[in-house]
């Protein structure tokens, strides 16, 4: 899948697409009953004493709400059990059961397939380079207790980079009533002109329902509108309105500025190299954003 040059040149969009690729790979690869968050918790509990839910949430870099849901299911499935917290007898801690250890070993094979599919288009040297750049950027944001298998996972590090960048871009765009995921739509419409929703979805690599949601939001914002095609009345084309044209440079500029801040631990050359490698991840190995330049 090729990327329009305008999309391939946007660090924020590329990171978003790479994280979406991780989500897609997980959905396509993990069998029913395998939860990637549950796997991470089982990994975090390996060779560890009973740990609190907050410790585990920090270790696997997820929210306390998600951890509570996952822990409840793991307990129900007999993979984890609650024991009295040695540091606070009024509270409980979690420990992995023998069944949990077996499940972790079994699930690890599926997770390895996800990891391999994500970087299938890269050479071994490029895989190492991508991982090293992600560790250099993301590693300092992770808790000391983050398990080694998670630190070794490119997929995990990509999702952590996306979470950090999304939060920064969202904060910068909030007053404009625009979301980070809207940037790609602005860039596509500026490059292609009026386009059908299905074509926009293809350029952005998202589902039809997702693109409808984005278009609905931007139409309410007054940034674009649907118009019937003059050559095919069955088709609606998306047109960028004057407000959208006005917003685009501000949205693009703020998103790029946020990316520069977030990626500040890397040199300019390293940031560009990371972006290029992530484009390869998104496109399945194609070295350029768009082989046709279209």
C-alpha atoms as a PDB file:
ATOM      1  CA  UNK A   1       0.000   0.000   0.000  1.00  0.00           C
ATOM      2  CA  UNK A   2       1.586   3.267  -1.145  1.00  0.00           C
ATOM      3  CA  UNK A   3       1.328   6.540   0.729  1.00  0.00           C
ATOM      4  CA  UNK A   4       0.779   9.904  -0.855  1.00  0.00           C
ATOM      5  CA  UNK A   5       4.028  11.898  -0.495  1.00  0.00           C
ATOM      6  CA  UNK A   6       2.234  14.472   1.685  1.00  0.00           C
ATOM      7  CA  UNK A   7       1.242  11.690   4.089  1.00  0.00           C
ATOM      8  CA  UNK A   8       4.627   9.973   4.015  1.00  0.00           C
ATOM      9  CA  UNK A   9       6.313  13.299   4.868  1.00  0.00           C
ATOM     10  CA  UNK A  10       4.155  13.872   7.961  1.00  0.00           C
ATOM     11  CA  UNK A  11       5.728  12.263  11.064  1.00  0.00           C
ATOM     12  CA  UNK A  12       2.457  12.416  12.974  1.00  0.00           C
ATOM     13  CA  UNK A  13       0.518  10.659  10.235  1.00  0.00           C
ATOM     14  CA  UNK A  14       3.209   8.026   9.725  1.00  0.00           C
ATOM     15  CA  UNK A  15       3.329   7.162  13.431  1.00  0.00           C
ATOM     16  CA  UNK A  16      -0.483   6.993  13.509  1.00  0.00           C
ATOM     17  CA  UNK A  17      -0.479   4.630  10.536  1.00  0.00           C
ATOM     18  CA  UNK A  18       2.277   2.470  12.024  1.00  0.00           C
ATOM     19  CA  UNK A  19       0.307   2.108  15.267  1.00  0.00           C
ATOM     20  CA  UNK A  20      -2.794   1.248  13.223  1.00  0.00           C
ATOM     21  CA  UNK A  21      -0.719  -1.405  11.454  1.00  0.00           C
ATOM     22  CA  UNK A  22       0.089  -2.932  14.845  1.00  0.00           C
ATOM     23  CA  UNK A  23      -3.596  -2.981  15.778  1.00  0.00           C
ATOM     24  CA  UNK A  24      -4.491  -4.568  12.446  1.00  0.00           C
ATOM     25  CA  UNK A  25      -1.766  -7.197  12.767  1.00  0.00           C
ATOM     26  CA  UNK A  26      -2.986  -8.106  16.247  1.00  0.00           C
ATOM     27  CA  UNK A  27      -6.572  -8.440  15.025  1.00  0.00           C
ATOM     28  CA  UNK A  28      -5.514 -10.578  12.060  1.00  0.00           C
ATOM     29  CA  UNK A  29      -3.107 -12.819  13.954  1.00  0.00           C
ATOM     30  CA  UNK A  30      -4.200 -13.375  17.538  1.00  0.00           C
ATOM     31  CA  UNK A  31      -6.702 -16.229  17.896  1.00  0.00           C
ATOM     32  CA  UNK A  32      -9.926 -15.779  19.870  1.00  0.00           C
ATOM     33  CA  UNK A  33      -9.270 -15.539  23.584  1.00  0.00           C
ATOM     34  CA  UNK A  34      -5.767 -14.079  23.286  1.00  0.00           C
ATOM     35  CA  UNK A  35      -5.629 -10.510  24.624  1.00  0.00           C
ATOM     36  CA  UNK A  36      -2.382  -8.624  24.012  1.00  0.00           C
ATOM     37  CA  UNK A  37      -2.811  -6.697  27.275  1.00  0.00           C
ATOM     38  CA  UNK A  38      -3.351  -9.950  29.162  1.00  0.00           C
ATOM     39  CA  UNK A  39      -0.217 -11.362  27.565  1.00  0.00           C
ATOM     40  CA  UNK A  40       1.754  -8.303  28.681  1.00  0.00           C
ATOM     41  CA  UNK A  41       0.503  -8.726  32.263  1.00  0.00           C
ATOM     42  CA  UNK A  42       1.489 -12.395  32.302  1.00  0.00           C
ATOM     43  CA  UNK A  43       4.936 -11.434  31.012  1.00  0.00           C
ATOM     44  CA  UNK A  44       5.253  -8.726  33.669  1.00  0.00           C
ATOM     45  CA  UNK A  45       4.407 -11.234  36.407  1.00  0.00           C
ATOM     46  CA  UNK A  46       7.055 -13.726  35.294  1.00  0.00           C
ATOM     47  CA  UNK A  47       9.509 -14.436  38.112  1.00  0.00           C
ATOM     48  CA  UNK A  48       8.036 -11.561  40.094  1.00  0.00           C
ATOM     49  CA  UNK A  49       6.508 -11.511  43.569  1.00  0.00           C
ATOM     50  CA  UNK A  50       2.817 -10.562  43.764  1.00  0.00           C
ATOM     51  CA  UNK A  51       2.356  -7.097  42.304  1.00  0.00           C
ATOM     52  CA  UNK A  52      -0.298  -4.422  42.662  1.00  0.00           C
ATOM     53  CA  UNK A  53      -2.479  -3.426  39.744  1.00  0.00           C
ATOM     54  CA  UNK A  54      -0.863   0.010  39.689  1.00  0.00           C
ATOM     55  CA  UNK A  55       2.609  -1.557  39.424  1.00  0.00           C
ATOM     56  CA  UNK A  56       1.390  -3.721  36.560  1.00  0.00           C
ATOM     57  CA  UNK A  57      -0.287  -0.784  34.796  1.00  0.00           C
ATOM     58  CA  UNK A  58       3.018   1.093  34.923  1.00  0.00           C
ATOM     59  CA  UNK A  59       5.006  -1.965  33.842  1.00  0.00           C
ATOM     60  CA  UNK A  60       2.956  -2.608  30.708  1.00  0.00           C
ATOM     61  CA  UNK A  61       2.308   1.102  30.000  1.00  0.00           C
ATOM     62  CA  UNK A  62      -1.456   0.936  30.055  1.00  0.00           C
ATOM     63  CA  UNK A  63      -4.215   2.695  31.951  1.00  0.00           C
ATOM     64  CA  UNK A  64      -5.438   1.584  35.348  1.00  0.00           C
ATOM     65  CA  UNK A  65      -8.914   1.147  33.844  1.00  0.00           C
ATOM     66  CA  UNK A  66      -7.630  -1.252  31.177  1.00  0.00           C
ATOM     67  CA  UNK A  67      -5.516  -3.107  33.721  1.00  0.00           C
ATOM     68  CA  UNK A  68      -8.530  -3.578  36.017  1.00  0.00           C
ATOM     69  CA  UNK A  69     -10.541  -5.106  33.154  1.00  0.00           C
ATOM     70  CA  UNK A  70      -7.698  -7.364  32.061  1.00  0.00           C
ATOM     71  CA  UNK A  71      -6.863  -8.490  35.597  1.00  0.00           C
ATOM     72  CA  UNK A  72     -10.490  -9.377  36.257  1.00  0.00           C
ATOM     73  CA  UNK A  73     -10.591 -11.604  33.174  1.00  0.00           C
ATOM     74  CA  UNK A  74      -7.259 -13.230  34.002  1.00  0.00           C
ATOM     75  CA  UNK A  75      -8.499 -14.067  37.494  1.00  0.00           C
ATOM     76  CA  UNK A  76     -11.755 -15.444  36.084  1.00  0.00           C
ATOM     77  CA  UNK A  77      -9.770 -17.617  33.659  1.00  0.00           C
ATOM     78  CA  UNK A  78      -7.522 -18.935  36.429  1.00  0.00           C
ATOM     79  CA  UNK A  79      -4.373 -17.464  34.896  1.00  0.00           C
ATOM     80  CA  UNK A  80      -3.783 -15.013  37.727  1.00  0.00           C
ATOM     81  CA  UNK A  81      -4.860 -15.036  41.350  1.00  0.00           C
ATOM     82  CA  UNK A  82      -5.291 -12.349  43.956  1.00  0.00           C
ATOM     83  CA  UNK A  83      -3.303 -12.560  47.195  1.00  0.00           C
ATOM     84  CA  UNK A  84      -2.905 -10.206  50.123  1.00  0.00           C
ATOM     85  CA  UNK A  85      -0.512  -7.376  49.394  1.00  0.00           C
ATOM     86  CA  UNK A  86       2.478  -7.761  51.709  1.00  0.00           C
ATOM     87  CA  UNK A  87       2.933  -3.972  51.809  1.00  0.00           C
ATOM     88  CA  UNK A  88      -0.713  -3.252  52.557  1.00  0.00           C
ATOM     89  CA  UNK A  89      -2.759  -6.056  54.127  1.00  0.00           C
ATOM     90  CA  UNK A  90      -5.968  -4.195  53.275  1.00  0.00           C
ATOM     91  CA  UNK A  91      -5.230  -4.532  49.568  1.00  0.00           C
ATOM     92  CA  UNK A  92      -4.653  -7.374  47.133  1.00  0.00           C
ATOM     93  CA  UNK A  93      -1.831  -8.086  44.724  1.00  0.00           C
ATOM     94  CA  UNK A  94      -1.734 -10.312  41.657  1.00  0.00           C
ATOM     95  CA  UNK A  95       0.417 -13.347  41.031  1.00  0.00           C
ATOM     96  CA  UNK A  96       0.633 -15.635  38.024  1.00  0.00           C
ATOM     97  CA  UNK A  97      -0.633 -19.203  38.315  1.00  0.00           C
ATOM     98  CA  UNK A  98       0.973 -22.243  36.626  1.00  0.00           C
ATOM     99  CA  UNK A  99      -1.854 -22.090  34.078  1.00  0.00           C
ATOM    100  CA  UNK A 100      -0.917 -18.468  33.456  1.00  0.00           C
ATOM    101  CA  UNK A 101       2.697 -19.427  32.780  1.00  0.00           C
ATOM    102  CA  UNK A 102       1.537 -22.043  30.280  1.00  0.00           C
ATOM    103  CA  UNK A 103      -0.781 -19.557  28.569  1.00  0.00           C
ATOM    104  CA  UNK A 104       1.995 -16.978  28.321  1.00  0.00           C
ATOM    105  CA  UNK A 105       4.297 -19.479  26.596  1.00  0.00           C
ATOM    106  CA  UNK A 106       1.546 -20.458  24.177  1.00  0.00           C
ATOM    107  CA  UNK A 107       0.513 -16.875  23.430  1.00  0.00           C
ATOM    108  CA  UNK A 108       4.128 -15.804  22.898  1.00  0.00           C
ATOM    109  CA  UNK A 109       4.198 -17.730  19.617  1.00  0.00           C
ATOM    110  CA  UNK A 110       1.266 -15.701  18.281  1.00  0.00           C
ATOM    111  CA  UNK A 111       2.810 -12.436  19.457  1.00  0.00           C
ATOM    112  CA  UNK A 112       6.049 -13.340  17.645  1.00  0.00           C
ATOM    113  CA  UNK A 113       4.066 -13.777  14.419  1.00  0.00           C
ATOM    114  CA  UNK A 114       2.603 -10.286  14.884  1.00  0.00           C
ATOM    115  CA  UNK A 115       6.073  -8.867  15.427  1.00  0.00           C
ATOM    116  CA  UNK A 116       7.474 -10.559  12.339  1.00  0.00           C
ATOM    117  CA  UNK A 117       4.554  -9.486  10.146  1.00  0.00           C
ATOM    118  CA  UNK A 118       5.002  -5.872  11.217  1.00  0.00           C
ATOM    119  CA  UNK A 119       8.611  -5.646  10.031  1.00  0.00           C
ATOM    120  CA  UNK A 120       8.434  -8.235   7.262  1.00  0.00           C
ATOM    121  CA  UNK A 121       9.428  -5.669   4.617  1.00  0.00           C
ATOM    122  CA  UNK A 122      12.625  -4.633   6.419  1.00  0.00           C
ATOM    123  CA  UNK A 123      16.042  -6.230   6.267  1.00  0.00           C
ATOM    124  CA  UNK A 124      17.544  -7.613   9.472  1.00  0.00           C
ATOM    125  CA  UNK A 125      19.788  -4.560   9.720  1.00  0.00           C
ATOM    126  CA  UNK A 126      16.818  -2.225   9.243  1.00  0.00           C
ATOM    127  CA  UNK A 127      14.835  -4.055  11.920  1.00  0.00           C
ATOM    128  CA  UNK A 128      17.672  -3.551  14.371  1.00  0.00           C
ATOM    129  CA  UNK A 129      18.010   0.100  13.355  1.00  0.00           C
ATOM    130  CA  UNK A 130      14.272   0.769  13.760  1.00  0.00           C
ATOM    131  CA  UNK A 131      14.195  -0.884  17.160  1.00  0.00           C
ATOM    132  CA  UNK A 132      17.266   1.062  18.301  1.00  0.00           C
ATOM    133  CA  UNK A 133      15.725   4.373  17.251  1.00  0.00           C
ATOM    134  CA  UNK A 134      12.477   3.556  19.041  1.00  0.00           C
ATOM    135  CA  UNK A 135      14.315   2.566  22.221  1.00  0.00           C
ATOM    136  CA  UNK A 136      16.349   5.782  22.091  1.00  0.00           C
ATOM    137  CA  UNK A 137      13.153   7.806  21.795  1.00  0.00           C
ATOM    138  CA  UNK A 138      10.640   5.880  23.917  1.00  0.00           C
ATOM    139  CA  UNK A 139      12.784   4.033  26.426  1.00  0.00           C
ATOM    140  CA  UNK A 140      13.116   6.900  28.891  1.00  0.00           C
ATOM    141  CA  UNK A 141       9.332   7.299  29.067  1.00  0.00           C
ATOM    142  CA  UNK A 142       8.792   3.708  30.195  1.00  0.00           C
ATOM    143  CA  UNK A 143       8.799   2.501  33.776  1.00  0.00           C
ATOM    144  CA  UNK A 144      11.893   0.773  35.109  1.00  0.00           C
ATOM    145  CA  UNK A 145       9.811  -2.346  35.671  1.00  0.00           C
ATOM    146  CA  UNK A 146       8.831  -2.678  31.999  1.00  0.00           C
ATOM    147  CA  UNK A 147       9.566  -6.328  31.117  1.00  0.00           C
ATOM    148  CA  UNK A 148      12.453  -7.060  28.761  1.00  0.00           C
ATOM    149  CA  UNK A 149      10.212  -8.882  26.214  1.00  0.00           C
ATOM    150  CA  UNK A 150       8.126  -5.728  25.855  1.00  0.00           C
ATOM    151  CA  UNK A 151      11.209  -3.544  25.466  1.00  0.00           C
ATOM    152  CA  UNK A 152      12.365  -5.936  22.746  1.00  0.00           C
ATOM    153  CA  UNK A 153       9.084  -5.561  20.852  1.00  0.00           C
ATOM    154  CA  UNK A 154       9.014  -3.059  17.991  1.00  0.00           C
ATOM    155  CA  UNK A 155       5.211  -3.270  17.977  1.00  0.00           C
ATOM    156  CA  UNK A 156       5.028  -2.313  21.654  1.00  0.00           C
ATOM    157  CA  UNK A 157       7.430   0.604  21.211  1.00  0.00           C
ATOM    158  CA  UNK A 158       5.499   1.903  18.187  1.00  0.00           C
ATOM    159  CA  UNK A 159       2.278   1.988  20.204  1.00  0.00           C
ATOM    160  CA  UNK A 160       4.015   3.844  23.040  1.00  0.00           C
ATOM    161  CA  UNK A 161       5.428   6.414  20.618  1.00  0.00           C
ATOM    162  CA  UNK A 162       1.984   6.886  19.107  1.00  0.00           C
ATOM    163  CA  UNK A 163       0.380   7.364  22.528  1.00  0.00           C
ATOM    164  CA  UNK A 164       2.882  10.087  23.440  1.00  0.00           C
ATOM    165  CA  UNK A 165       2.687  11.852  20.079  1.00  0.00           C
ATOM    166  CA  UNK A 166      -1.109  11.651  19.932  1.00  0.00           C
ATOM    167  CA  UNK A 167      -1.402  13.292  23.341  1.00  0.00           C
ATOM    168  CA  UNK A 168       0.930  16.136  22.322  1.00  0.00           C
ATOM    169  CA  UNK A 169      -0.765  16.782  18.988  1.00  0.00           C
ATOM    170  CA  UNK A 170      -4.242  16.590  20.535  1.00  0.00           C
ATOM    171  CA  UNK A 171      -3.250  19.203  23.114  1.00  0.00           C
ATOM    172  CA  UNK A 172      -1.938  21.528  20.412  1.00  0.00           C
ATOM    173  CA  UNK A 173      -5.017  21.123  18.202  1.00  0.00           C
ATOM    174  CA  UNK A 174      -7.660  21.253  20.929  1.00  0.00           C
ATOM    175  CA  UNK A 175      -8.481  24.939  20.607  1.00  0.00           C
ATOM    176  CA  UNK A 176      -8.992  24.471  16.856  1.00  0.00           C
ATOM    177  CA  UNK A 177     -11.635  21.797  17.464  1.00  0.00           C
ATOM    178  CA  UNK A 178      -9.608  19.439  15.297  1.00  0.00           C
ATOM    179  CA  UNK A 179      -8.286  15.970  16.184  1.00  0.00           C
ATOM    180  CA  UNK A 180      -4.890  14.479  15.254  1.00  0.00           C
ATOM    181  CA  UNK A 181      -6.511  11.924  12.965  1.00  0.00           C
ATOM    182  CA  UNK A 182      -8.063  14.737  10.896  1.00  0.00           C
ATOM    183  CA  UNK A 183      -4.658  15.826   9.590  1.00  0.00           C
ATOM    184  CA  UNK A 184      -4.493  13.060   7.009  1.00  0.00           C
ATOM    185  CA  UNK A 185      -7.847  14.067   5.521  1.00  0.00           C
ATOM    186  CA  UNK A 186      -6.702  17.655   5.115  1.00  0.00           C
ATOM    187  CA  UNK A 187      -3.482  16.518   3.431  1.00  0.00           C
ATOM    188  CA  UNK A 188      -5.239  14.115   1.068  1.00  0.00           C
ATOM    189  CA  UNK A 189      -7.846  16.645  -0.054  1.00  0.00           C
ATOM    190  CA  UNK A 190      -5.233  19.314  -0.623  1.00  0.00           C
ATOM    191  CA  UNK A 191      -3.198  16.878  -2.769  1.00  0.00           C
ATOM    192  CA  UNK A 192      -5.987  15.145  -4.694  1.00  0.00           C
ATOM    193  CA  UNK A 193      -8.791  17.677  -4.786  1.00  0.00           C
ATOM    194  CA  UNK A 194     -12.383  16.425  -4.412  1.00  0.00           C
ATOM    195  CA  UNK A 195     -12.398  12.697  -3.719  1.00  0.00           C
ATOM    196  CA  UNK A 196     -14.939  10.010  -2.837  1.00  0.00           C
ATOM    197  CA  UNK A 197     -15.067   8.714   0.728  1.00  0.00           C
ATOM    198  CA  UNK A 198     -13.944   5.255  -0.411  1.00  0.00           C
ATOM    199  CA  UNK A 199     -10.877   6.787  -2.049  1.00  0.00           C
ATOM    200  CA  UNK A 200     -10.091   8.800   1.077  1.00  0.00           C
ATOM    201  CA  UNK A 201     -10.372   5.632   3.166  1.00  0.00           C
ATOM    202  CA  UNK A 202      -7.911   3.903   0.828  1.00  0.00           C
ATOM    203  CA  UNK A 203      -5.385   6.730   1.083  1.00  0.00           C
ATOM    204  CA  UNK A 204      -5.674   6.801   4.877  1.00  0.00           C
ATOM    205  CA  UNK A 205      -5.693   3.019   5.274  1.00  0.00           C
ATOM    206  CA  UNK A 206      -8.813   3.024   7.451  1.00  0.00           C
ATOM    207  CA  UNK A 207     -12.228   1.411   7.300  1.00  0.00           C
ATOM    208  CA  UNK A 208     -15.299   2.907   5.669  1.00  0.00           C
ATOM    209  CA  UNK A 209     -17.078   3.524   8.992  1.00  0.00           C
ATOM    210  CA  UNK A 210     -13.977   5.252  10.377  1.00  0.00           C
ATOM    211  CA  UNK A 211     -13.705   7.608   7.436  1.00  0.00           C
ATOM    212  CA  UNK A 212     -17.428   8.399   7.658  1.00  0.00           C
ATOM    213  CA  UNK A 213     -16.919   9.397  11.290  1.00  0.00           C
ATOM    214  CA  UNK A 214     -13.993  11.662  10.389  1.00  0.00           C
ATOM    215  CA  UNK A 215     -15.864  13.260   7.495  1.00  0.00           C
ATOM    216  CA  UNK A 216     -18.951  13.815   9.653  1.00  0.00           C
ATOM    217  CA  UNK A 217     -16.820  15.587  12.266  1.00  0.00           C
ATOM    218  CA  UNK A 218     -15.075  17.826   9.758  1.00  0.00           C
ATOM    219  CA  UNK A 219     -18.340  18.585   7.960  1.00  0.00           C
ATOM    220  CA  UNK A 220     -19.899  19.719  11.248  1.00  0.00           C
ATOM    221  CA  UNK A 221     -16.768  21.791  11.808  1.00  0.00           C
ATOM    222  CA  UNK A 222     -17.374  23.499   8.454  1.00  0.00           C
ATOM    223  CA  UNK A 223     -14.030  22.368   7.061  1.00  0.00           C
ATOM    224  CA  UNK A 224     -15.361  20.200   4.240  1.00  0.00           C
ATOM    225  CA  UNK A 225     -18.616  19.148   2.633  1.00  0.00           C
ATOM    226  CA  UNK A 226     -20.061  16.299   0.601  1.00  0.00           C
ATOM    227  CA  UNK A 227     -21.285  17.174  -2.895  1.00  0.00           C
ATOM    228  CA  UNK A 228     -22.849  14.969  -5.538  1.00  0.00           C
ATOM    229  CA  UNK A 229     -20.511  14.198  -8.424  1.00  0.00           C
ATOM    230  CA  UNK A 230     -21.536  15.967 -11.632  1.00  0.00           C
ATOM    231  CA  UNK A 231     -20.623  12.859 -13.642  1.00  0.00           C
ATOM    232  CA  UNK A 232     -22.082  10.188 -11.316  1.00  0.00           C
ATOM    233  CA  UNK A 233     -24.982  11.251  -9.143  1.00  0.00           C
ATOM    234  CA  UNK A 234     -24.607   8.101  -7.062  1.00  0.00           C
ATOM    235  CA  UNK A 235     -21.235   9.281  -5.796  1.00  0.00           C
ATOM    236  CA  UNK A 236     -20.543  11.994  -3.242  1.00  0.00           C
ATOM    237  CA  UNK A 237     -17.221  13.803  -3.415  1.00  0.00           C
ATOM    238  CA  UNK A 238     -15.526  15.495  -0.490  1.00  0.00           C
ATOM    239  CA  UNK A 239     -14.619  19.131  -1.046  1.00  0.00           C
ATOM    240  CA  UNK A 240     -12.314  21.144   1.213  1.00  0.00           C
ATOM    241  CA  UNK A 241     -14.093  24.382   2.150  1.00  0.00           C
ATOM    242  CA  UNK A 242     -12.423  27.775   2.732  1.00  0.00           C
ATOM    243  CA  UNK A 243     -12.294  27.110   6.478  1.00  0.00           C
ATOM    244  CA  UNK A 244     -10.521  23.818   5.778  1.00  0.00           C
ATOM    245  CA  UNK A 245      -8.031  25.573   3.516  1.00  0.00           C
ATOM    246  CA  UNK A 246      -7.456  28.110   6.266  1.00  0.00           C
ATOM    247  CA  UNK A 247      -7.049  25.474   8.979  1.00  0.00           C
ATOM    248  CA  UNK A 248      -4.729  23.189   7.021  1.00  0.00           C
ATOM    249  CA  UNK A 249      -1.400  25.057   7.401  1.00  0.00           C
ATOM    250  CA  UNK A 250      -2.074  25.684  11.096  1.00  0.00           C
ATOM    251  CA  UNK A 251      -3.027  22.068  11.777  1.00  0.00           C
ATOM    252  CA  UNK A 252      -0.079  20.781   9.765  1.00  0.00           C
ATOM    253  CA  UNK A 253       2.348  23.190  11.412  1.00  0.00           C
ATOM    254  CA  UNK A 254       1.213  22.400  14.936  1.00  0.00           C
ATOM    255  CA  UNK A 255       1.318  18.648  14.298  1.00  0.00           C
ATOM    256  CA  UNK A 256       4.856  18.875  12.928  1.00  0.00           C
ATOM    257  CA  UNK A 257       5.942  21.092  15.840  1.00  0.00           C
ATOM    258  CA  UNK A 258       4.538  18.562  18.317  1.00  0.00           C
ATOM    259  CA  UNK A 259       6.374  15.774  16.499  1.00  0.00           C
ATOM    260  CA  UNK A 260       9.626  17.733  16.719  1.00  0.00           C
ATOM    261  CA  UNK A 261       9.134  18.153  20.470  1.00  0.00           C
ATOM    262  CA  UNK A 262       8.237  14.521  21.078  1.00  0.00           C
ATOM    263  CA  UNK A 263      11.096  13.247  18.920  1.00  0.00           C
ATOM    264  CA  UNK A 264      13.541  15.703  20.442  1.00  0.00           C
ATOM    265  CA  UNK A 265      15.772  12.957  21.820  1.00  0.00           C
ATOM    266  CA  UNK A 266      16.758  12.110  18.257  1.00  0.00           C
ATOM    267  CA  UNK A 267      18.829  14.184  15.867  1.00  0.00           C
ATOM    268  CA  UNK A 268      17.189  15.579  12.736  1.00  0.00           C
ATOM    269  CA  UNK A 269      18.797  12.792  10.727  1.00  0.00           C
ATOM    270  CA  UNK A 270      17.594  10.134  13.146  1.00  0.00           C
ATOM    271  CA  UNK A 271      14.051  11.540  13.106  1.00  0.00           C
ATOM    272  CA  UNK A 272      13.985  11.404   9.333  1.00  0.00           C
ATOM    273  CA  UNK A 273      15.374   7.881   9.332  1.00  0.00           C
ATOM    274  CA  UNK A 274      12.762   6.762  11.861  1.00  0.00           C
ATOM    275  CA  UNK A 275      10.020   8.284   9.717  1.00  0.00           C
ATOM    276  CA  UNK A 276      11.312   6.540   6.592  1.00  0.00           C
ATOM    277  CA  UNK A 277      11.531   3.169   8.320  1.00  0.00           C
ATOM    278  CA  UNK A 278       8.013   3.554   9.705  1.00  0.00           C
ATOM    279  CA  UNK A 279       6.790   4.385   6.189  1.00  0.00           C
ATOM    280  CA  UNK A 280       8.286   1.034   5.174  1.00  0.00           C
ATOM    281  CA  UNK A 281       6.370  -0.617   8.011  1.00  0.00           C
ATOM    282  CA  UNK A 282       3.127   1.030   6.881  1.00  0.00           C
ATOM    283  CA  UNK A 283       3.582   0.215   3.206  1.00  0.00           C
ATOM    284  CA  UNK A 284       4.810  -3.330   3.742  1.00  0.00           C
ATOM    285  CA  UNK A 285       8.362  -2.602   2.701  1.00  0.00           C
ATOM    286  CA  UNK A 286       8.057  -0.153  -0.193  1.00  0.00           C
ATOM    287  CA  UNK A 287      10.982   2.274   0.185  1.00  0.00           C
ATOM    288  CA  UNK A 288       8.989   5.279  -1.020  1.00  0.00           C
ATOM    289  CA  UNK A 289       5.707   6.797   0.006  1.00  0.00           C
ATOM    290  CA  UNK A 290       4.258   6.446  -3.461  1.00  0.00           C
ATOM    291  CA  UNK A 291       5.981   4.762  -6.371  1.00  0.00           C
ATOM    292  CA  UNK A 292       4.021   6.824  -8.869  1.00  0.00           C
ATOM    293  CA  UNK A 293       4.376  10.133  -7.060  1.00  0.00           C
ATOM    294  CA  UNK A 294       0.606  10.456  -7.136  1.00  0.00           C
END
